[in-house]
Amino acid sequence: MGNHNMGEAAGVAENQGLECFERNNPLIFSGGYNPNGAQNWMMEIEKIFWEMACLDGQKVAFGTYTLVEEAEYWWENTCQCLEAEGQVVTWETFKRVFMEKYFPEDVKNKKEMEFLELKQGNMTVA
C-alpha cells in the first residue's frame, strides 16, 4: 500500500513540474521541413530546462509534450523503435534523433558555411 502513495507523489511532482514548464510558454513544434524552427524550438526548450533545473527524465517527457501533429507521430514511432532496440531514451538520445530528422546535415553544413563567410566578411584585411 505504501508503494502506491510513492508512485502517486511522483506523479503529482511530475504534474506540478509540467504546469511549471507550461507557464514558461514553451514553443510547440509540428514538424515538416523547418530547420530554423527545429533549431529555435530546441534552443528555447533547453533554456526552460536550464531555468527549471529539470532532471533528464523530465526533459524527455516535457520536451516531447510540446510536439504536435507530424512531429508527435514521428516521435511516437521513433520512441517505439528505440525502446524495441533496448535503448534508454535520454534527452541526449532524443536530441540526436530529433536533429537528424529535422535539422539535416546539409542544412547544418550550409549554416556553418554562412557563419564562416559572415566572420570572414566582417574581418578587415590588414
C-alpha atoms as a PDB file:
ATOM      1  CA  MET A   1       0.000   0.000   0.000  1.00  0.00           C
ATOM      2  CA  GLY A   2       2.853   2.417   0.870  1.00  0.00           C
ATOM      3  CA  ASN A   3       4.392   1.979  -2.590  1.00  0.00           C
ATOM      4  CA  HIS A   4       1.216   3.184  -4.228  1.00  0.00           C
ATOM      5  CA  ASN A   5       1.484   6.508  -2.391  1.00  0.00           C
ATOM      6  CA  MET A   6       5.101   6.901  -3.508  1.00  0.00           C
ATOM      7  CA  GLY A   7       4.034   6.492  -7.130  1.00  0.00           C
ATOM      8  CA  GLU A   8       1.243   8.983  -6.597  1.00  0.00           C
ATOM      9  CA  ALA A   9       3.633  11.522  -5.047  1.00  0.00           C
ATOM     10  CA  ALA A  10       5.991  11.146  -8.013  1.00  0.00           C
ATOM     11  CA  GLY A  11       3.036  11.606 -10.373  1.00  0.00           C
ATOM     12  CA  VAL A  12       1.961  14.789  -8.549  1.00  0.00           C
ATOM     13  CA  ALA A  13       5.521  16.153  -8.632  1.00  0.00           C
ATOM     14  CA  GLU A  14       5.675  15.361 -12.367  1.00  0.00           C
ATOM     15  CA  ASN A  15       2.353  17.174 -12.939  1.00  0.00           C
ATOM     16  CA  GLN A  16       3.484  20.210 -10.950  1.00  0.00           C
ATOM     17  CA  GLY A  17       6.686  20.220 -12.974  1.00  0.00           C
ATOM     18  CA  LEU A  18       4.677  20.113 -16.192  1.00  0.00           C
ATOM     19  CA  GLU A  19       2.494  23.001 -15.006  1.00  0.00           C
ATOM     20  CA  CYS A  20       5.650  24.995 -14.216  1.00  0.00           C
ATOM     21  CA  PHE A  21       7.057  24.073 -17.643  1.00  0.00           C
ATOM     22  CA  GLU A  22       3.821  25.210 -19.346  1.00  0.00           C
ATOM     23  CA  ARG A  23       3.936  28.556 -17.514  1.00  0.00           C
ATOM     24  CA  ASN A  24       7.149  29.253 -19.462  1.00  0.00           C
ATOM     25  CA  ASN A  25       5.055  29.176 -22.674  1.00  0.00           C
ATOM     26  CA  PRO A  26       7.228  26.588 -24.444  1.00  0.00           C
ATOM     27  CA  LEU A  27       7.180  26.656 -28.235  1.00  0.00           C
ATOM     28  CA  ILE A  28       5.330  23.833 -29.918  1.00  0.00           C
ATOM     29  CA  PHE A  29       6.827  22.057 -32.893  1.00  0.00           C
ATOM     30  CA  SER A  30       4.663  20.444 -35.563  1.00  0.00           C
ATOM     31  CA  GLY A  31       7.374  19.002 -37.797  1.00  0.00           C
ATOM     32  CA  GLY A  32       7.663  19.316 -41.549  1.00  0.00           C
ATOM     33  CA  TYR A  33      10.659  20.825 -43.290  1.00  0.00           C
ATOM     34  CA  ASN A  34      11.506  23.664 -40.949  1.00  0.00           C
ATOM     35  CA  PRO A  35      15.208  23.516 -39.943  1.00  0.00           C
ATOM     36  CA  ASN A  36      15.211  27.008 -38.410  1.00  0.00           C
ATOM     37  CA  GLY A  37      12.037  26.237 -36.487  1.00  0.00           C
ATOM     38  CA  ALA A  38      13.534  22.971 -35.241  1.00  0.00           C
ATOM     39  CA  GLN A  39      16.717  24.669 -34.078  1.00  0.00           C
ATOM     40  CA  ASN A  40      14.814  27.516 -32.386  1.00  0.00           C
ATOM     41  CA  TRP A  41      12.447  25.049 -30.707  1.00  0.00           C
ATOM     42  CA  MET A  42      15.386  23.044 -29.312  1.00  0.00           C
ATOM     43  CA  MET A  43      17.153  26.166 -28.005  1.00  0.00           C
ATOM     44  CA  GLU A  44      14.001  27.539 -26.346  1.00  0.00           C
ATOM     45  CA  ILE A  45      13.078  24.206 -24.740  1.00  0.00           C
ATOM     46  CA  GLU A  46      16.601  23.736 -23.368  1.00  0.00           C
ATOM     47  CA  LYS A  47      16.565  27.276 -21.970  1.00  0.00           C
ATOM     48  CA  ILE A  48      13.406  26.407 -19.999  1.00  0.00           C
ATOM     49  CA  PHE A  49      15.010  23.139 -18.800  1.00  0.00           C
ATOM     50  CA  TRP A  50      18.013  25.067 -17.571  1.00  0.00           C
ATOM     51  CA  GLU A  51      15.863  27.613 -15.732  1.00  0.00           C
ATOM     52  CA  MET A  52      13.765  24.841 -14.152  1.00  0.00           C
ATOM     53  CA  ALA A  53      16.782  22.607 -13.381  1.00  0.00           C
ATOM     54  CA  CYS A  54      14.913  19.669 -14.951  1.00  0.00           C
ATOM     55  CA  LEU A  55      16.007  16.078 -14.444  1.00  0.00           C
ATOM     56  CA  ASP A  56      16.840  14.098 -17.571  1.00  0.00           C
ATOM     57  CA  GLY A  57      13.633  12.041 -17.433  1.00  0.00           C
ATOM     58  CA  GLN A  58      11.559  15.207 -17.148  1.00  0.00           C
ATOM     59  CA  LYS A  59      13.312  16.718 -20.160  1.00  0.00           C
ATOM     60  CA  VAL A  60      12.149  13.886 -22.426  1.00  0.00           C
ATOM     61  CA  ALA A  61       8.593  13.997 -21.029  1.00  0.00           C
ATOM     62  CA  PHE A  62       8.266  17.790 -21.126  1.00  0.00           C
ATOM     63  CA  GLY A  63      10.078  18.333 -24.425  1.00  0.00           C
ATOM     64  CA  THR A  64       8.110  15.708 -26.328  1.00  0.00           C
ATOM     65  CA  TYR A  65       4.887  17.039 -24.765  1.00  0.00           C
ATOM     66  CA  THR A  66       5.292  20.114 -26.999  1.00  0.00           C
ATOM     67  CA  LEU A  67       5.472  18.067 -30.201  1.00  0.00           C
ATOM     68  CA  VAL A  68       2.245  18.175 -32.210  1.00  0.00           C
ATOM     69  CA  GLU A  69       0.873  16.831 -35.492  1.00  0.00           C
ATOM     70  CA  GLU A  70       3.541  15.250 -37.720  1.00  0.00           C
ATOM     71  CA  ALA A  71       6.308  15.663 -35.134  1.00  0.00           C
ATOM     72  CA  GLU A  72       4.228  13.904 -32.478  1.00  0.00           C
ATOM     73  CA  TYR A  73       3.547  10.903 -34.760  1.00  0.00           C
ATOM     74  CA  TRP A  74       7.219  10.815 -35.738  1.00  0.00           C
ATOM     75  CA  TRP A  75       8.266  10.732 -32.060  1.00  0.00           C
ATOM     76  CA  GLU A  76       5.773   8.005 -31.097  1.00  0.00           C
ATOM     77  CA  ASN A  77       7.161   5.748 -33.852  1.00  0.00           C
ATOM     78  CA  THR A  78      10.796   6.660 -33.187  1.00  0.00           C
ATOM     79  CA  CYS A  79      10.432   6.106 -29.446  1.00  0.00           C
ATOM     80  CA  GLN A  80       8.910   2.652 -30.021  1.00  0.00           C
ATOM     81  CA  CYS A  81      11.799   1.752 -32.348  1.00  0.00           C
ATOM     82  CA  LEU A  82      14.435   2.954 -29.848  1.00  0.00           C
ATOM     83  CA  GLU A  83      12.803   1.031 -26.997  1.00  0.00           C
ATOM     84  CA  ALA A  84      12.494  -2.077 -29.189  1.00  0.00           C
ATOM     85  CA  GLU A  85      16.267  -1.824 -29.776  1.00  0.00           C
ATOM     86  CA  GLY A  86      16.701  -1.734 -25.993  1.00  0.00           C
ATOM     87  CA  GLN A  87      17.898   1.885 -25.925  1.00  0.00           C
ATOM     88  CA  VAL A  88      17.200   4.023 -22.908  1.00  0.00           C
ATOM     89  CA  VAL A  89      15.581   7.203 -24.210  1.00  0.00           C
ATOM     90  CA  THR A  90      17.505  10.059 -22.609  1.00  0.00           C
ATOM     91  CA  TRP A  91      17.320  13.709 -23.635  1.00  0.00           C
ATOM     92  CA  GLU A  92      20.641  13.318 -25.474  1.00  0.00           C
ATOM     93  CA  THR A  93      19.174  10.396 -27.447  1.00  0.00           C
ATOM     94  CA  PHE A  94      16.060  12.421 -28.243  1.00  0.00           C
ATOM     95  CA  LYS A  95      18.143  15.425 -29.293  1.00  0.00           C
ATOM     96  CA  ARG A  96      20.287  13.301 -31.623  1.00  0.00           C
ATOM     97  CA  VAL A  97      17.360  11.665 -33.446  1.00  0.00           C
ATOM     98  CA  PHE A  98      15.360  14.913 -33.492  1.00  0.00           C
ATOM     99  CA  MET A  99      18.187  16.899 -35.060  1.00  0.00           C
ATOM    100  CA  GLU A 100      18.914  14.105 -37.575  1.00  0.00           C
ATOM    101  CA  LYS A 101      15.266  14.230 -38.624  1.00  0.00           C
ATOM    102  CA  TYR A 102      14.514  17.959 -38.503  1.00  0.00           C
ATOM    103  CA  PHE A 103      17.897  19.651 -38.878  1.00  0.00           C
ATOM    104  CA  PRO A 104      19.535  17.638 -41.691  1.00  0.00           C
ATOM    105  CA  GLU A 105      23.301  17.507 -42.181  1.00  0.00           C
ATOM    106  CA  ASP A 106      23.196  19.540 -45.430  1.00  0.00           C
ATOM    107  CA  VAL A 107      21.380  22.385 -43.653  1.00  0.00           C
ATOM    108  CA  LYS A 108      23.854  22.227 -40.776  1.00  0.00           C
ATOM    109  CA  ASN A 109      26.784  22.422 -43.189  1.00  0.00           C
ATOM    110  CA  LYS A 110      25.172  25.348 -45.051  1.00  0.00           C
ATOM    111  CA  LYS A 111      24.661  27.226 -41.756  1.00  0.00           C
ATOM    112  CA  GLU A 112      28.304  26.636 -40.794  1.00  0.00           C
ATOM    113  CA  MET A 113      29.465  27.954 -44.181  1.00  0.00           C
ATOM    114  CA  GLU A 114      27.236  31.055 -43.827  1.00  0.00           C
ATOM    115  CA  PHE A 115      28.681  31.642 -40.372  1.00  0.00           C
ATOM    116  CA  LEU A 116      32.267  31.318 -41.627  1.00  0.00           C
ATOM    117  CA  GLU A 117      31.575  33.655 -44.552  1.00  0.00           C
ATOM    118  CA  LEU A 118      29.960  36.146 -42.171  1.00  0.00           C
ATOM    119  CA  LYS A 119      33.015  36.063 -39.898  1.00  0.00           C
ATOM    120  CA  GLN A 120      35.398  36.476 -42.839  1.00  0.00           C
ATOM    121  CA  GLY A 121      33.243  39.270 -44.272  1.00  0.00           C
ATOM    122  CA  ASN A 122      33.494  41.173 -41.006  1.00  0.00           C
ATOM    123  CA  MET A 123      37.261  40.900 -40.770  1.00  0.00           C
ATOM    124  CA  THR A 124      39.310  43.730 -42.189  1.00  0.00           C
ATOM    125  CA  VAL A 125      42.412  42.829 -44.161  1.00  0.00           C
ATOM    126  CA  ALA A 126      45.482  44.431 -42.555  1.00  0.00           C
END
